[in-house]
All heavy atoms as atom14 arrays in JSON, in Angstrom:
{
  "sequence": "CRAEKFPSQSIADLGQKVECNVNTGLICNNKDQQIGGIIPMPVCLNY",
  "atom14_mask": [
    [1, 1, 1, 1, 1, 1, 0, 0, 0, 0, 0, 0, 0, 0],
    [1, 1, 1, 1, 1, 1, 1, 1, 1, 1, 1, 0, 0, 0],
    [1, 1, 1, 1, 1, 0, 0, 0, 0, 0, 0, 0, 0, 0],
    [1, 1, 1, 1, 1, 1, 1, 1, 1, 0, 0, 0, 0, 0],
    [1, 1, 1, 1, 1, 1, 1, 1, 1, 0, 0, 0, 0, 0],
    [1, 1, 1, 1, 1, 1, 1, 1, 1, 1, 1, 0, 0, 0],
    [1, 1, 1, 1, 1, 1, 1, 0, 0, 0, 0, 0, 0, 0],
    [1, 1, 1, 1, 1, 1, 0, 0, 0, 0, 0, 0, 0, 0],
    [1, 1, 1, 1, 1, 1, 1, 1, 1, 0, 0, 0, 0, 0],
    [1, 1, 1, 1, 1, 1, 0, 0, 0, 0, 0, 0, 0, 0],
    [1, 1, 1, 1, 1, 1, 1, 1, 0, 0, 0, 0, 0, 0],
    [1, 1, 1, 1, 1, 0, 0, 0, 0, 0, 0, 0, 0, 0],
    [1, 1, 1, 1, 1, 1, 1, 1, 0, 0, 0, 0, 0, 0],
    [1, 1, 1, 1, 1, 1, 1, 1, 0, 0, 0, 0, 0, 0],
    [1, 1, 1, 1, 0, 0, 0, 0, 0, 0, 0, 0, 0, 0],
    [1, 1, 1, 1, 1, 1, 1, 1, 1, 0, 0, 0, 0, 0],
    [1, 1, 1, 1, 1, 1, 1, 1, 1, 0, 0, 0, 0, 0],
    [1, 1, 1, 1, 1, 1, 1, 0, 0, 0, 0, 0, 0, 0],
    [1, 1, 1, 1, 1, 1, 1, 1, 1, 0, 0, 0, 0, 0],
    [1, 1, 1, 1, 1, 1, 0, 0, 0, 0, 0, 0, 0, 0],
    [1, 1, 1, 1, 1, 1, 1, 1, 0, 0, 0, 0, 0, 0],
    [1, 1, 1, 1, 1, 1, 1, 0, 0, 0, 0, 0, 0, 0],
    [1, 1, 1, 1, 1, 1, 1, 1, 0, 0, 0, 0, 0, 0],
    [1, 1, 1, 1, 1, 1, 1, 0, 0, 0, 0, 0, 0, 0],
    [1, 1, 1, 1, 0, 0, 0, 0, 0, 0, 0, 0, 0, 0],
    [1, 1, 1, 1, 1, 1, 1, 1, 0, 0, 0, 0, 0, 0],
    [1, 1, 1, 1, 1, 1, 1, 1, 0, 0, 0, 0, 0, 0],
    [1, 1, 1, 1, 1, 1, 0, 0, 0, 0, 0, 0, 0, 0],
    [1, 1, 1, 1, 1, 1, 1, 1, 0, 0, 0, 0, 0, 0],
    [1, 1, 1, 1, 1, 1, 1, 1, 0, 0, 0, 0, 0, 0],
    [1, 1, 1, 1, 1, 1, 1, 1, 1, 0, 0, 0, 0, 0],
    [1, 1, 1, 1, 1, 1, 1, 1, 0, 0, 0, 0, 0, 0],
    [1, 1, 1, 1, 1, 1, 1, 1, 1, 0, 0, 0, 0, 0],
    [1, 1, 1, 1, 1, 1, 1, 1, 1, 0, 0, 0, 0, 0],
    [1, 1, 1, 1, 1, 1, 1, 1, 0, 0, 0, 0, 0, 0],
    [1, 1, 1, 1, 0, 0, 0, 0, 0, 0, 0, 0, 0, 0],
    [1, 1, 1, 1, 0, 0, 0, 0, 0, 0, 0, 0, 0, 0],
    [1, 1, 1, 1, 1, 1, 1, 1, 0, 0, 0, 0, 0, 0],
    [1, 1, 1, 1, 1, 1, 1, 1, 0, 0, 0, 0, 0, 0],
    [1, 1, 1, 1, 1, 1, 1, 0, 0, 0, 0, 0, 0, 0],
    [1, 1, 1, 1, 1, 1, 1, 1, 0, 0, 0, 0, 0, 0],
    [1, 1, 1, 1, 1, 1, 1, 0, 0, 0, 0, 0, 0, 0],
    [1, 1, 1, 1, 1, 1, 1, 0, 0, 0, 0, 0, 0, 0],
    [1, 1, 1, 1, 1, 1, 0, 0, 0, 0, 0, 0, 0, 0],
    [1, 1, 1, 1, 1, 1, 1, 1, 0, 0, 0, 0, 0, 0],
    [1, 1, 1, 1, 1, 1, 1, 1, 0, 0, 0, 0, 0, 0],
    [1, 1, 1, 1, 1, 1, 1, 1, 1, 1, 1, 1, 0, 0]
  ],
  "atom14_positions": [
    [[97.39, 105.1, 111.52], [96.5, 104.0, 111.19], [97.27, 102.92, 110.42], [98.12, 103.25, 109.59], [95.34, 104.5, 110.32], [94.33, 105.76, 111.12], [0.0, 0.0, 0.0], [0.0, 0.0, 0.0], [0.0, 0.0, 0.0], [0.0, 0.0, 0.0], [0.0, 0.0, 0.0], [0.0, 0.0, 0.0], [0.0, 0.0, 0.0], [0.0, 0.0, 0.0]],
    [[96.95, 101.66, 110.7], [97.61, 100.57, 109.99], [96.7, 99.35, 109.94], [95.79, 99.2, 110.75], [98.93, 100.2, 110.67], [98.76, 99.52, 112.02], [100.08, 99.22, 112.66], [99.9, 98.41, 113.88], [100.88, 98.06, 114.68], [102.12, 98.46, 114.45], [100.64, 97.31, 115.75], [0.0, 0.0, 0.0], [0.0, 0.0, 0.0], [0.0, 0.0, 0.0]],
    [[96.97, 98.49, 108.96], [96.23, 97.23, 108.85], [96.85, 96.25, 109.84], [98.07, 96.12, 109.93], [96.33, 96.7, 107.43], [0.0, 0.0, 0.0], [0.0, 0.0, 0.0], [0.0, 0.0, 0.0], [0.0, 0.0, 0.0], [0.0, 0.0, 0.0], [0.0, 0.0, 0.0], [0.0, 0.0, 0.0], [0.0, 0.0, 0.0], [0.0, 0.0, 0.0]],
    [[96.0, 95.57, 110.57], [96.47, 94.65, 111.6], [97.41, 93.57, 111.03], [98.45, 93.28, 111.6], [95.27, 93.99, 112.28], [95.65, 92.96, 113.31], [94.59, 91.91, 113.53], [93.69, 91.74, 112.67], [94.68, 91.24, 114.56], [0.0, 0.0, 0.0], [0.0, 0.0, 0.0], [0.0, 0.0, 0.0], [0.0, 0.0, 0.0], [0.0, 0.0, 0.0]],
    [[97.06, 92.99, 109.9], [97.85, 91.9, 109.3], [99.06, 92.4, 108.5], [99.93, 91.63, 108.15], [96.98, 91.04, 108.39], [95.81, 90.38, 109.11], [96.16, 88.98, 109.49], [94.92, 88.26, 109.98], [95.11, 87.62, 111.26], [0.0, 0.0, 0.0], [0.0, 0.0, 0.0], [0.0, 0.0, 0.0], [0.0, 0.0, 0.0], [0.0, 0.0, 0.0]],
    [[99.08, 93.7, 108.18], [100.16, 94.28, 107.38], [100.67, 95.56, 108.04], [100.6, 96.64, 107.46], [99.67, 94.57, 105.96], [99.03, 93.38, 105.29], [97.65, 93.21, 105.3], [99.82, 92.42, 104.66], [97.07, 92.11, 104.69], [99.25, 91.32, 104.04], [97.86, 91.15, 104.07], [0.0, 0.0, 0.0], [0.0, 0.0, 0.0], [0.0, 0.0, 0.0]],
    [[101.19, 95.46, 109.27], [101.54, 96.67, 110.03], [102.66, 97.51, 109.44], [102.72, 98.71, 109.7], [101.94, 96.12, 111.41], [102.32, 94.7, 111.16], [101.47, 94.24, 110.01], [0.0, 0.0, 0.0], [0.0, 0.0, 0.0], [0.0, 0.0, 0.0], [0.0, 0.0, 0.0], [0.0, 0.0, 0.0], [0.0, 0.0, 0.0], [0.0, 0.0, 0.0]],
    [[103.52, 96.91, 108.62], [104.64, 97.69, 108.07], [104.34, 98.3, 106.71], [105.15, 99.04, 106.17], [105.89, 96.81, 107.99], [105.64, 95.71, 107.14], [0.0, 0.0, 0.0], [0.0, 0.0, 0.0], [0.0, 0.0, 0.0], [0.0, 0.0, 0.0], [0.0, 0.0, 0.0], [0.0, 0.0, 0.0], [0.0, 0.0, 0.0], [0.0, 0.0, 0.0]],
    [[103.15, 98.02, 106.15], [102.8, 98.58, 104.84], [101.88, 99.78, 105.01], [100.98, 99.78, 105.86], [102.1, 97.53, 103.98], [103.06, 96.46, 103.48], [102.37, 95.57, 102.46], [101.64, 94.67, 102.83], [102.61, 95.84, 101.19], [0.0, 0.0, 0.0], [0.0, 0.0, 0.0], [0.0, 0.0, 0.0], [0.0, 0.0, 0.0], [0.0, 0.0, 0.0]],
    [[102.09, 100.79, 104.19], [101.23, 101.96, 104.26], [99.85, 101.6, 103.71], [99.71, 100.7, 102.87], [101.82, 103.13, 103.46], [101.73, 102.87, 102.08], [0.0, 0.0, 0.0], [0.0, 0.0, 0.0], [0.0, 0.0, 0.0], [0.0, 0.0, 0.0], [0.0, 0.0, 0.0], [0.0, 0.0, 0.0], [0.0, 0.0, 0.0], [0.0, 0.0, 0.0]],
    [[98.84, 102.32, 104.15], [97.47, 102.06, 103.69], [97.38, 102.3, 102.18], [96.71, 101.56, 101.47], [96.45, 102.92, 104.47], [96.41, 102.43, 105.93], [95.06, 102.85, 103.85], [95.56, 103.27, 106.86], [0.0, 0.0, 0.0], [0.0, 0.0, 0.0], [0.0, 0.0, 0.0], [0.0, 0.0, 0.0], [0.0, 0.0, 0.0], [0.0, 0.0, 0.0]],
    [[98.1, 103.29, 101.68], [98.11, 103.57, 100.23], [98.61, 102.36, 99.45], [98.07, 102.03, 98.39], [98.96, 104.79, 99.94], [0.0, 0.0, 0.0], [0.0, 0.0, 0.0], [0.0, 0.0, 0.0], [0.0, 0.0, 0.0], [0.0, 0.0, 0.0], [0.0, 0.0, 0.0], [0.0, 0.0, 0.0], [0.0, 0.0, 0.0], [0.0, 0.0, 0.0]],
    [[99.61, 101.67, 99.98], [100.16, 100.49, 99.29], [99.21, 99.29, 99.33], [99.36, 98.36, 98.55], [101.5, 100.09, 99.91], [102.61, 101.09, 99.62], [102.42, 101.94, 98.71], [103.64, 101.03, 100.3], [0.0, 0.0, 0.0], [0.0, 0.0, 0.0], [0.0, 0.0, 0.0], [0.0, 0.0, 0.0], [0.0, 0.0, 0.0], [0.0, 0.0, 0.0]],
    [[98.26, 99.32, 100.25], [97.31, 98.2, 100.36], [96.19, 98.29, 99.33], [95.47, 97.33, 99.12], [96.72, 98.14, 101.78], [97.73, 97.89, 102.9], [97.04, 98.01, 104.26], [98.37, 96.52, 102.75], [0.0, 0.0, 0.0], [0.0, 0.0, 0.0], [0.0, 0.0, 0.0], [0.0, 0.0, 0.0], [0.0, 0.0, 0.0], [0.0, 0.0, 0.0]],
    [[96.03, 99.45, 98.74], [95.0, 99.61, 97.71], [93.59, 99.72, 98.25], [92.63, 99.42, 97.55], [0.0, 0.0, 0.0], [0.0, 0.0, 0.0], [0.0, 0.0, 0.0], [0.0, 0.0, 0.0], [0.0, 0.0, 0.0], [0.0, 0.0, 0.0], [0.0, 0.0, 0.0], [0.0, 0.0, 0.0], [0.0, 0.0, 0.0], [0.0, 0.0, 0.0]],
    [[93.44, 100.16, 99.51], [92.11, 100.31, 100.09], [91.8, 101.79, 100.31], [92.69, 102.6, 100.57], [92.02, 99.56, 101.43], [92.18, 98.06, 101.27], [91.22, 97.29, 102.12], [91.09, 97.53, 103.31], [90.53, 96.34, 101.5], [0.0, 0.0, 0.0], [0.0, 0.0, 0.0], [0.0, 0.0, 0.0], [0.0, 0.0, 0.0], [0.0, 0.0, 0.0]],
    [[90.52, 102.11, 100.17], [90.07, 103.47, 100.43], [89.68, 103.55, 101.91], [88.73, 102.9, 102.34], [88.87, 103.81, 99.54], [88.41, 105.24, 99.72], [87.26, 105.59, 98.8], [86.78, 107.0, 99.06], [85.54, 107.29, 98.37], [0.0, 0.0, 0.0], [0.0, 0.0, 0.0], [0.0, 0.0, 0.0], [0.0, 0.0, 0.0], [0.0, 0.0, 0.0]],
    [[90.47, 104.32, 102.65], [90.31, 104.41, 104.1], [90.43, 105.87, 104.53], [91.29, 106.6, 104.03], [91.41, 103.57, 104.82], [91.34, 103.75, 106.32], [91.29, 102.11, 104.46], [0.0, 0.0, 0.0], [0.0, 0.0, 0.0], [0.0, 0.0, 0.0], [0.0, 0.0, 0.0], [0.0, 0.0, 0.0], [0.0, 0.0, 0.0], [0.0, 0.0, 0.0]],
    [[89.57, 106.29, 105.43], [89.66, 107.63, 106.01], [90.31, 107.51, 107.38], [89.86, 106.72, 108.21], [88.25, 108.23, 106.14], [88.23, 109.62, 106.72], [86.81, 110.15, 106.91], [85.9, 109.71, 106.2], [86.64, 111.01, 107.8], [0.0, 0.0, 0.0], [0.0, 0.0, 0.0], [0.0, 0.0, 0.0], [0.0, 0.0, 0.0], [0.0, 0.0, 0.0]],
    [[91.37, 108.26, 107.59], [92.1, 108.22, 108.86], [92.45, 109.65, 109.23], [93.3, 110.27, 108.6], [93.37, 107.38, 108.68], [94.42, 107.33, 110.14], [0.0, 0.0, 0.0], [0.0, 0.0, 0.0], [0.0, 0.0, 0.0], [0.0, 0.0, 0.0], [0.0, 0.0, 0.0], [0.0, 0.0, 0.0], [0.0, 0.0, 0.0], [0.0, 0.0, 0.0]],
    [[91.74, 110.21, 110.23], [92.03, 111.6, 110.61], [91.77, 111.86, 112.09], [91.1, 111.07, 112.77], [91.25, 112.58, 109.72], [89.76, 112.49, 109.9], [89.26, 112.64, 111.01], [89.03, 112.24, 108.82], [0.0, 0.0, 0.0], [0.0, 0.0, 0.0], [0.0, 0.0, 0.0], [0.0, 0.0, 0.0], [0.0, 0.0, 0.0], [0.0, 0.0, 0.0]],
    [[92.28, 112.98, 112.58], [92.19, 113.33, 114.0], [90.79, 113.77, 114.42], [90.53, 113.91, 115.61], [93.21, 114.43, 114.39], [94.63, 113.95, 114.22], [92.97, 115.71, 113.61], [0.0, 0.0, 0.0], [0.0, 0.0, 0.0], [0.0, 0.0, 0.0], [0.0, 0.0, 0.0], [0.0, 0.0, 0.0], [0.0, 0.0, 0.0], [0.0, 0.0, 0.0]],
    [[89.89, 113.99, 113.47], [88.54, 114.42, 113.83], [87.61, 113.25, 114.13], [86.77, 113.35, 115.02], [87.93, 115.27, 112.7], [88.73, 116.54, 112.49], [89.1, 117.21, 113.44], [89.02, 116.85, 111.25], [0.0, 0.0, 0.0], [0.0, 0.0, 0.0], [0.0, 0.0, 0.0], [0.0, 0.0, 0.0], [0.0, 0.0, 0.0], [0.0, 0.0, 0.0]],
    [[87.77, 112.13, 113.39], [86.84, 111.01, 113.58], [87.52, 109.7, 113.94], [86.9, 108.83, 114.52], [86.01, 110.77, 112.3], [86.9, 110.58, 111.21], [85.07, 111.91, 112.02], [0.0, 0.0, 0.0], [0.0, 0.0, 0.0], [0.0, 0.0, 0.0], [0.0, 0.0, 0.0], [0.0, 0.0, 0.0], [0.0, 0.0, 0.0], [0.0, 0.0, 0.0]],
    [[88.78, 109.52, 113.57], [89.44, 108.24, 113.75], [89.57, 107.58, 112.4], [89.85, 108.24, 111.39], [0.0, 0.0, 0.0], [0.0, 0.0, 0.0], [0.0, 0.0, 0.0], [0.0, 0.0, 0.0], [0.0, 0.0, 0.0], [0.0, 0.0, 0.0], [0.0, 0.0, 0.0], [0.0, 0.0, 0.0], [0.0, 0.0, 0.0], [0.0, 0.0, 0.0]],
    [[89.34, 106.26, 112.33], [89.45, 105.52, 111.06], [88.08, 105.01, 110.63], [87.33, 104.46, 111.44], [90.41, 104.34, 111.22], [90.55, 103.5, 109.96], [92.01, 103.17, 109.7], [89.74, 102.21, 110.03], [0.0, 0.0, 0.0], [0.0, 0.0, 0.0], [0.0, 0.0, 0.0], [0.0, 0.0, 0.0], [0.0, 0.0, 0.0], [0.0, 0.0, 0.0]],
    [[87.79, 105.2, 109.35], [86.55, 104.68, 108.75], [86.93, 103.97, 107.46], [87.59, 104.54, 106.6], [85.54, 105.8, 108.46], [85.09, 106.46, 109.77], [84.35, 105.26, 107.67], [84.21, 107.68, 109.58], [0.0, 0.0, 0.0], [0.0, 0.0, 0.0], [0.0, 0.0, 0.0], [0.0, 0.0, 0.0], [0.0, 0.0, 0.0], [0.0, 0.0, 0.0]],
    [[86.5, 102.72, 107.34], [86.7, 101.95, 106.11], [85.36, 101.29, 105.79], [84.84, 100.5, 106.58], [87.78, 100.89, 106.31], [88.07, 99.9, 104.81], [0.0, 0.0, 0.0], [0.0, 0.0, 0.0], [0.0, 0.0, 0.0], [0.0, 0.0, 0.0], [0.0, 0.0, 0.0], [0.0, 0.0, 0.0], [0.0, 0.0, 0.0], [0.0, 0.0, 0.0]],
    [[84.78, 101.64, 104.65], [83.5, 101.07, 104.21], [83.76, 99.97, 103.17], [84.48, 100.2, 102.19], [82.61, 102.15, 103.59], [82.2, 103.19, 104.61], [81.65, 102.87, 105.66], [82.47, 104.45, 104.31], [0.0, 0.0, 0.0], [0.0, 0.0, 0.0], [0.0, 0.0, 0.0], [0.0, 0.0, 0.0], [0.0, 0.0, 0.0], [0.0, 0.0, 0.0]],
    [[83.15, 98.8, 103.38], [83.29, 97.7, 102.42], [82.88, 98.14, 101.01], [83.53, 97.79, 100.03], [82.46, 96.49, 102.84], [83.05, 95.77, 104.04], [84.22, 95.93, 104.37], [82.23, 94.97, 104.7], [0.0, 0.0, 0.0], [0.0, 0.0, 0.0], [0.0, 0.0, 0.0], [0.0, 0.0, 0.0], [0.0, 0.0, 0.0], [0.0, 0.0, 0.0]],
    [[81.8, 98.91, 100.92], [81.26, 99.31, 99.6], [82.22, 100.19, 98.8], [82.1, 100.31, 97.59], [79.91, 100.01, 99.76], [79.98, 101.32, 100.51], [78.62, 101.93, 100.72], [78.74, 103.2, 101.54], [77.48, 103.73, 101.94], [0.0, 0.0, 0.0], [0.0, 0.0, 0.0], [0.0, 0.0, 0.0], [0.0, 0.0, 0.0], [0.0, 0.0, 0.0]],
    [[83.23, 100.81, 99.48], [84.2, 101.67, 98.8], [85.4, 100.89, 98.26], [86.26, 101.48, 97.59], [84.71, 102.75, 99.75], [83.62, 103.72, 100.18], [82.61, 103.85, 99.45], [83.77, 104.33, 101.26], [0.0, 0.0, 0.0], [0.0, 0.0, 0.0], [0.0, 0.0, 0.0], [0.0, 0.0, 0.0], [0.0, 0.0, 0.0], [0.0, 0.0, 0.0]],
    [[85.5, 99.61, 98.55], [86.67, 98.82, 98.18], [86.5, 98.18, 96.8], [85.4, 97.8, 96.41], [86.96, 97.75, 99.23], [87.06, 98.28, 100.65], [87.89, 99.54, 100.8], [88.99, 99.63, 100.26], [87.35, 100.52, 101.52], [0.0, 0.0, 0.0], [0.0, 0.0, 0.0], [0.0, 0.0, 0.0], [0.0, 0.0, 0.0], [0.0, 0.0, 0.0]],
    [[87.61, 98.07, 96.1], [87.63, 97.46, 94.77], [88.2, 96.05, 94.87], [88.99, 95.76, 95.76], [88.51, 98.28, 93.82], [88.1, 99.73, 93.67], [86.74, 99.87, 92.99], [86.43, 99.16, 92.05], [85.92, 100.78, 93.49], [0.0, 0.0, 0.0], [0.0, 0.0, 0.0], [0.0, 0.0, 0.0], [0.0, 0.0, 0.0], [0.0, 0.0, 0.0]],
    [[87.81, 95.19, 93.95], [88.39, 93.85, 93.89], [89.85, 94.01, 93.46], [90.16, 94.79, 92.57], [87.62, 92.95, 92.89], [86.21, 92.71, 93.42], [88.34, 91.63, 92.66], [85.31, 91.96, 92.47], [0.0, 0.0, 0.0], [0.0, 0.0, 0.0], [0.0, 0.0, 0.0], [0.0, 0.0, 0.0], [0.0, 0.0, 0.0], [0.0, 0.0, 0.0]],
    [[90.72, 93.29, 94.13], [92.15, 93.41, 93.84], [92.89, 93.95, 95.04], [92.39, 93.87, 96.17], [0.0, 0.0, 0.0], [0.0, 0.0, 0.0], [0.0, 0.0, 0.0], [0.0, 0.0, 0.0], [0.0, 0.0, 0.0], [0.0, 0.0, 0.0], [0.0, 0.0, 0.0], [0.0, 0.0, 0.0], [0.0, 0.0, 0.0], [0.0, 0.0, 0.0]],
    [[94.04, 94.5, 94.8], [94.83, 94.99, 95.92], [95.44, 93.82, 96.68], [95.71, 92.77, 96.12], [0.0, 0.0, 0.0], [0.0, 0.0, 0.0], [0.0, 0.0, 0.0], [0.0, 0.0, 0.0], [0.0, 0.0, 0.0], [0.0, 0.0, 0.0], [0.0, 0.0, 0.0], [0.0, 0.0, 0.0], [0.0, 0.0, 0.0], [0.0, 0.0, 0.0]],
    [[95.6, 93.98, 97.96], [96.27, 92.98, 98.79], [95.41, 91.74, 99.04], [95.92, 90.67, 99.31], [96.76, 93.62, 100.1], [97.85, 92.78, 100.75], [95.67, 93.86, 101.08], [99.21, 93.37, 100.64], [0.0, 0.0, 0.0], [0.0, 0.0, 0.0], [0.0, 0.0, 0.0], [0.0, 0.0, 0.0], [0.0, 0.0, 0.0], [0.0, 0.0, 0.0]],
    [[94.09, 91.91, 98.98], [93.19, 90.76, 99.17], [92.24, 90.67, 97.97], [91.89, 91.7, 97.39], [92.39, 90.85, 100.5], [91.59, 92.15, 100.59], [93.32, 90.72, 101.7], [90.65, 92.21, 101.77], [0.0, 0.0, 0.0], [0.0, 0.0, 0.0], [0.0, 0.0, 0.0], [0.0, 0.0, 0.0], [0.0, 0.0, 0.0], [0.0, 0.0, 0.0]],
    [[91.83, 89.47, 97.61], [90.99, 89.32, 96.42], [89.51, 89.69, 96.61], [88.75, 89.63, 95.66], [91.13, 87.83, 96.09], [91.43, 87.18, 97.39], [92.21, 88.2, 98.19], [0.0, 0.0, 0.0], [0.0, 0.0, 0.0], [0.0, 0.0, 0.0], [0.0, 0.0, 0.0], [0.0, 0.0, 0.0], [0.0, 0.0, 0.0], [0.0, 0.0, 0.0]],
    [[89.11, 90.07, 97.82], [87.72, 90.4, 98.1], [87.55, 91.92, 98.27], [88.44, 92.57, 98.82], [87.25, 89.72, 99.38], [87.36, 88.2, 99.34], [86.17, 87.45, 98.23], [84.67, 87.78, 99.1], [0.0, 0.0, 0.0], [0.0, 0.0, 0.0], [0.0, 0.0, 0.0], [0.0, 0.0, 0.0], [0.0, 0.0, 0.0], [0.0, 0.0, 0.0]],
    [[86.43, 92.47, 97.82], [86.21, 93.92, 98.0], [85.67, 94.25, 99.4], [84.55, 94.72, 99.55], [85.2, 94.25, 96.9], [84.4, 92.99, 96.75], [85.36, 91.86, 97.03], [0.0, 0.0, 0.0], [0.0, 0.0, 0.0], [0.0, 0.0, 0.0], [0.0, 0.0, 0.0], [0.0, 0.0, 0.0], [0.0, 0.0, 0.0], [0.0, 0.0, 0.0]],
    [[86.45, 93.93, 100.41], [86.07, 94.23, 101.8], [87.26, 94.89, 102.51], [88.4, 94.75, 102.09], [85.65, 92.96, 102.58], [84.39, 92.35, 102.01], [86.77, 91.95, 102.65], [0.0, 0.0, 0.0], [0.0, 0.0, 0.0], [0.0, 0.0, 0.0], [0.0, 0.0, 0.0], [0.0, 0.0, 0.0], [0.0, 0.0, 0.0], [0.0, 0.0, 0.0]],
    [[86.96, 95.56, 103.59], [88.0, 96.22, 104.38], [88.84, 95.21, 105.13], [88.33, 94.19, 105.62], [87.36, 97.16, 105.4], [86.5, 98.56, 104.68], [0.0, 0.0, 0.0], [0.0, 0.0, 0.0], [0.0, 0.0, 0.0], [0.0, 0.0, 0.0], [0.0, 0.0, 0.0], [0.0, 0.0, 0.0], [0.0, 0.0, 0.0], [0.0, 0.0, 0.0]],
    [[90.1, 95.51, 105.22], [90.97, 94.77, 106.13], [90.62, 95.22, 107.55], [89.89, 96.19, 107.75], [92.44, 95.12, 105.84], [92.99, 94.65, 104.51], [94.32, 95.33, 104.21], [93.17, 93.14, 104.51], [0.0, 0.0, 0.0], [0.0, 0.0, 0.0], [0.0, 0.0, 0.0], [0.0, 0.0, 0.0], [0.0, 0.0, 0.0], [0.0, 0.0, 0.0]],
    [[91.15, 94.51, 108.54], [90.97, 94.94, 109.92], [92.07, 95.95, 110.25], [93.25, 95.63, 110.13], [91.03, 93.75, 110.88], [90.71, 94.17, 112.31], [89.81, 94.95, 112.55], [91.47, 93.64, 113.26], [0.0, 0.0, 0.0], [0.0, 0.0, 0.0], [0.0, 0.0, 0.0], [0.0, 0.0, 0.0], [0.0, 0.0, 0.0], [0.0, 0.0, 0.0]],
    [[91.67, 97.15, 110.63], [92.62, 98.21, 110.92], [92.7, 98.48, 112.42], [91.8, 98.1, 113.19], [92.22, 99.51, 110.19], [92.42, 99.4, 108.7], [91.37, 99.04, 107.86], [93.66, 99.65, 108.13], [91.56, 98.92, 106.48], [93.87, 99.54, 106.76], [92.82, 99.17, 105.95], [93.02, 99.06, 104.59], [0.0, 0.0, 0.0], [0.0, 0.0, 0.0]]
  ]
}
C-alpha cells in the first residue's frame, strides 16, 4: 500500500492511521486522522 502523491514514503512516515492487509485491502477513515503529519487537514490521502 502507498499514498498516490508520496509513493516512495512509507505510510508510517506519513503520520496517517491506515489499515492495509491481505484480508480486506486498504481502509483509511477520515475520522481516524489527526491534524498534522504530511498534510494540514485531518483527512486521508489518496492511497
